[in-house]
Amino acid sequence: MAKLSLAMVGGGVGAFIGPVHRMAAELDGESALVAGAFSSDATRSAAAGRAYGVAPERAYGSYEALIAGEVARDDGARLISVVTPNHLHLPVAEAALNAGPSVISDKPAAATLAEALQLRETIKRTGGLYA
């Protein structure tokens, strides 16, 4: 069986939680980190991609570019792990769900109750998987 292809948004060089999420996701050997927008700075994202063993063309400078690039690939990431600062959890999760990949997010899911309800509606509308 093929491994679940994972992309990570956030978790670049110097981040604490990103490497923890990656290690946890790969513990059972059933998933592999294949892409990421590890930083909003393209140079830092590329450096993190090298450190994680991600192919250079799959280390993106923004989550929008990551989602668009991976959705366009036949072997694109099917799961997006969101390990960004809290204020970005909702926009990244919604962008991924709207494009097709499933999402696993660091906590909190959203910053406010209104955002949480918005996320719930996005999940219902898209039928996407969110954890």
C-alpha atoms as a PDB file:
ATOM      1  CA  MET A   1       0.000   0.000   0.000  1.00  0.00           C
ATOM      2  CA  ALA A   2       1.265   3.479  -0.865  1.00  0.00           C
ATOM      3  CA  LYS A   3       2.065   5.888   1.921  1.00  0.00           C
ATOM      4  CA  LEU A   4      -0.243   8.813   2.594  1.00  0.00           C
ATOM      5  CA  SER A   5       1.407  11.868   1.073  1.00  0.00           C
ATOM      6  CA  LEU A   6       1.639  14.731   3.556  1.00  0.00           C
ATOM      7  CA  ALA A   7       2.341  18.423   3.074  1.00  0.00           C
ATOM      8  CA  MET A   8       3.016  20.817   5.923  1.00  0.00           C
ATOM      9  CA  VAL A   9       2.234  24.514   6.168  1.00  0.00           C
ATOM     10  CA  GLY A  10       4.545  26.108   8.720  1.00  0.00           C
ATOM     11  CA  GLY A  11       7.121  24.256  10.754  1.00  0.00           C
ATOM     12  CA  GLY A  12      10.197  25.739   9.124  1.00  0.00           C
ATOM     13  CA  VAL A  13      13.707  26.205  10.440  1.00  0.00           C
ATOM     14  CA  GLY A  14      13.653  27.040  14.142  1.00  0.00           C
ATOM     15  CA  ALA A  15      10.021  26.020  14.637  1.00  0.00           C
ATOM     16  CA  PHE A  16       9.214  23.718  17.535  1.00  0.00           C
ATOM     17  CA  ILE A  17       5.866  22.162  16.681  1.00  0.00           C
ATOM     18  CA  GLY A  18       6.410  21.467  12.975  1.00  0.00           C
ATOM     19  CA  PRO A  19       9.107  18.834  13.450  1.00  0.00           C
ATOM     20  CA  VAL A  20       7.022  17.270  16.245  1.00  0.00           C
ATOM     21  CA  HIS A  21       4.006  16.944  13.927  1.00  0.00           C
ATOM     22  CA  ARG A  22       6.150  15.491  11.184  1.00  0.00           C
ATOM     23  CA  MET A  23       7.685  12.884  13.480  1.00  0.00           C
ATOM     24  CA  ALA A  24       4.268  11.948  14.880  1.00  0.00           C
ATOM     25  CA  ALA A  25       2.764  11.630  11.392  1.00  0.00           C
ATOM     26  CA  GLU A  26       5.550   9.345  10.247  1.00  0.00           C
ATOM     27  CA  LEU A  27       5.780   7.130  13.360  1.00  0.00           C
ATOM     28  CA  ASP A  28       3.747   4.268  11.918  1.00  0.00           C
ATOM     29  CA  GLY A  29       5.491   4.402   8.540  1.00  0.00           C
ATOM     30  CA  GLU A  30       2.182   4.964   6.731  1.00  0.00           C
ATOM     31  CA  SER A  31       2.748   8.584   5.707  1.00  0.00           C
ATOM     32  CA  ALA A  32       5.572  10.632   4.277  1.00  0.00           C
ATOM     33  CA  LEU A  33       6.249  14.360   4.131  1.00  0.00           C
ATOM     34  CA  VAL A  34       6.455  15.169   0.418  1.00  0.00           C
ATOM     35  CA  ALA A  35       5.855  18.930   0.254  1.00  0.00           C
ATOM     36  CA  GLY A  36       5.536  22.069   2.290  1.00  0.00           C
ATOM     37  CA  ALA A  37       5.206  25.796   2.611  1.00  0.00           C
ATOM     38  CA  PHE A  38       7.426  25.806   5.653  1.00  0.00           C
ATOM     39  CA  SER A  39       7.785  29.585   5.765  1.00  0.00           C
ATOM     40  CA  SER A  40       6.194  32.554   4.032  1.00  0.00           C
ATOM     41  CA  ASP A  41       9.745  33.410   2.948  1.00  0.00           C
ATOM     42  CA  ALA A  42      10.621  31.284  -0.096  1.00  0.00           C
ATOM     43  CA  THR A  43      14.323  31.062   0.807  1.00  0.00           C
ATOM     44  CA  ARG A  44      13.562  29.852   4.330  1.00  0.00           C
ATOM     45  CA  SER A  45      10.934  27.446   3.022  1.00  0.00           C
ATOM     46  CA  ALA A  46      13.490  25.986   0.597  1.00  0.00           C
ATOM     47  CA  ALA A  47      16.023  25.574   3.426  1.00  0.00           C
ATOM     48  CA  ALA A  48      13.453  23.754   5.560  1.00  0.00           C
ATOM     49  CA  GLY A  49      12.509  21.586   2.596  1.00  0.00           C
ATOM     50  CA  ARG A  50      16.139  20.546   2.181  1.00  0.00           C
ATOM     51  CA  ALA A  51      16.368  19.749   5.904  1.00  0.00           C
ATOM     52  CA  TYR A  52      13.210  17.609   5.685  1.00  0.00           C
ATOM     53  CA  GLY A  53      14.343  15.850   2.502  1.00  0.00           C
ATOM     54  CA  VAL A  54      11.599  17.400   0.364  1.00  0.00           C
ATOM     55  CA  ALA A  55      12.273  17.811  -3.373  1.00  0.00           C
ATOM     56  CA  PRO A  56      13.193  21.449  -4.128  1.00  0.00           C
ATOM     57  CA  GLU A  57      10.241  21.993  -6.445  1.00  0.00           C
ATOM     58  CA  ARG A  58       7.876  20.953  -3.657  1.00  0.00           C
ATOM     59  CA  ALA A  59       9.087  23.511  -1.090  1.00  0.00           C
ATOM     60  CA  TYR A  60       6.732  26.414  -1.728  1.00  0.00           C
ATOM     61  CA  GLY A  61       6.847  30.054  -0.624  1.00  0.00           C
ATOM     62  CA  SER A  62       3.159  30.267   0.325  1.00  0.00           C
ATOM     63  CA  TYR A  63       0.340  27.988   1.329  1.00  0.00           C
ATOM     64  CA  GLU A  64      -1.616  29.112  -1.737  1.00  0.00           C
ATOM     65  CA  ALA A  65       1.222  28.001  -4.026  1.00  0.00           C
ATOM     66  CA  LEU A  66       1.550  24.734  -2.099  1.00  0.00           C
ATOM     67  CA  ILE A  67      -2.126  23.875  -2.443  1.00  0.00           C
ATOM     68  CA  ALA A  68      -2.276  24.833  -6.122  1.00  0.00           C
ATOM     69  CA  GLY A  69       0.948  22.984  -6.909  1.00  0.00           C
ATOM     70  CA  GLU A  70       0.045  19.818  -5.067  1.00  0.00           C
ATOM     71  CA  VAL A  71      -3.531  19.634  -6.379  1.00  0.00           C
ATOM     72  CA  ALA A  72      -2.154  19.879  -9.928  1.00  0.00           C
ATOM     73  CA  ARG A  73       0.197  16.908  -9.412  1.00  0.00           C
ATOM     74  CA  ASP A  74      -0.843  13.299  -9.982  1.00  0.00           C
ATOM     75  CA  ASP A  75       1.252  12.416  -6.930  1.00  0.00           C
ATOM     76  CA  GLY A  76       0.253  15.510  -4.944  1.00  0.00           C
ATOM     77  CA  ALA A  77      -0.128  15.608  -1.185  1.00  0.00           C
ATOM     78  CA  ARG A  78      -3.505  14.310  -0.023  1.00  0.00           C
ATOM     79  CA  LEU A  79      -3.205  15.635   3.525  1.00  0.00           C
ATOM     80  CA  ILE A  80      -2.219  19.138   4.626  1.00  0.00           C
ATOM     81  CA  SER A  81      -0.880  19.542   8.154  1.00  0.00           C
ATOM     82  CA  VAL A  82      -1.349  23.095   9.455  1.00  0.00           C
ATOM     83  CA  VAL A  83       1.332  24.056  11.997  1.00  0.00           C
ATOM     84  CA  THR A  84       1.331  27.813  11.518  1.00  0.00           C
ATOM     85  CA  PRO A  85       0.745  30.634  13.979  1.00  0.00           C
ATOM     86  CA  ASN A  86      -2.860  30.463  15.218  1.00  0.00           C
ATOM     87  CA  HIS A  87      -4.259  33.298  13.094  1.00  0.00           C
ATOM     88  CA  LEU A  88      -3.497  31.302   9.932  1.00  0.00           C
ATOM     89  CA  HIS A  89      -5.146  28.022  10.932  1.00  0.00           C
ATOM     90  CA  LEU A  90      -8.560  28.890   9.478  1.00  0.00           C
ATOM     91  CA  PRO A  91      -7.485  30.393   6.135  1.00  0.00           C
ATOM     92  CA  VAL A  92      -5.054  27.550   5.419  1.00  0.00           C
ATOM     93  CA  ALA A  93      -7.579  24.866   6.404  1.00  0.00           C
ATOM     94  CA  GLU A  94     -10.323  26.434   4.298  1.00  0.00           C
ATOM     95  CA  ALA A  95      -8.063  26.846   1.275  1.00  0.00           C
ATOM     96  CA  ALA A  96      -7.027  23.195   1.465  1.00  0.00           C
ATOM     97  CA  LEU A  97     -10.544  21.882   2.018  1.00  0.00           C
ATOM     98  CA  ASN A  98     -11.872  23.981  -0.862  1.00  0.00           C
ATOM     99  CA  ALA A  99      -9.183  22.541  -3.159  1.00  0.00           C
ATOM    100  CA  GLY A 100      -9.606  18.913  -2.107  1.00  0.00           C
ATOM    101  CA  PRO A 101      -6.896  17.776   0.316  1.00  0.00           C
ATOM    102  CA  SER A 102      -7.821  16.681   3.818  1.00  0.00           C
ATOM    103  CA  VAL A 103      -6.555  18.736   6.759  1.00  0.00           C
ATOM    104  CA  ILE A 104      -5.034  18.086  10.137  1.00  0.00           C
ATOM    105  CA  SER A 105      -4.500  21.243  12.159  1.00  0.00           C
ATOM    106  CA  ASP A 106      -2.570  22.192  15.213  1.00  0.00           C
ATOM    107  CA  LYS A 107      -4.821  23.749  17.858  1.00  0.00           C
ATOM    108  CA  PRO A 108      -6.798  25.936  17.934  1.00  0.00           C
ATOM    109  CA  ALA A 109      -8.918  25.180  14.875  1.00  0.00           C
ATOM    110  CA  ALA A 110      -9.977  28.826  14.757  1.00  0.00           C
ATOM    111  CA  ALA A 111      -9.520  32.007  16.765  1.00  0.00           C
ATOM    112  CA  THR A 112     -13.191  32.706  17.511  1.00  0.00           C
ATOM    113  CA  LEU A 113     -16.524  30.920  17.709  1.00  0.00           C
ATOM    114  CA  ALA A 114     -17.590  32.613  14.483  1.00  0.00           C
ATOM    115  CA  GLU A 115     -14.498  31.250  12.723  1.00  0.00           C
ATOM    116  CA  ALA A 116     -15.131  27.773  14.141  1.00  0.00           C
ATOM    117  CA  LEU A 117     -18.685  27.858  12.790  1.00  0.00           C
ATOM    118  CA  GLN A 118     -17.357  29.048   9.433  1.00  0.00           C
ATOM    119  CA  LEU A 119     -14.913  26.131   9.392  1.00  0.00           C
ATOM    120  CA  ARG A 120     -17.731  23.722  10.241  1.00  0.00           C
ATOM    121  CA  GLU A 121     -19.712  25.008   7.265  1.00  0.00           C
ATOM    122  CA  THR A 122     -16.701  24.638   4.964  1.00  0.00           C
ATOM    123  CA  ILE A 123     -16.240  21.043   6.111  1.00  0.00           C
ATOM    124  CA  LYS A 124     -19.931  20.290   5.524  1.00  0.00           C
ATOM    125  CA  ARG A 125     -19.962  21.982   2.108  1.00  0.00           C
ATOM    126  CA  THR A 126     -16.773  20.332   0.828  1.00  0.00           C
ATOM    127  CA  GLY A 127     -17.246  16.938   2.469  1.00  0.00           C
ATOM    128  CA  GLY A 128     -13.558  17.114   3.315  1.00  0.00           C
ATOM    129  CA  LEU A 129     -11.873  15.385   6.208  1.00  0.00           C
ATOM    130  CA  TYR A 130     -10.622  17.610   9.028  1.00  0.00           C
ATOM    131  CA  ALA A 131      -8.877  16.698  12.262  1.00  0.00           C
END
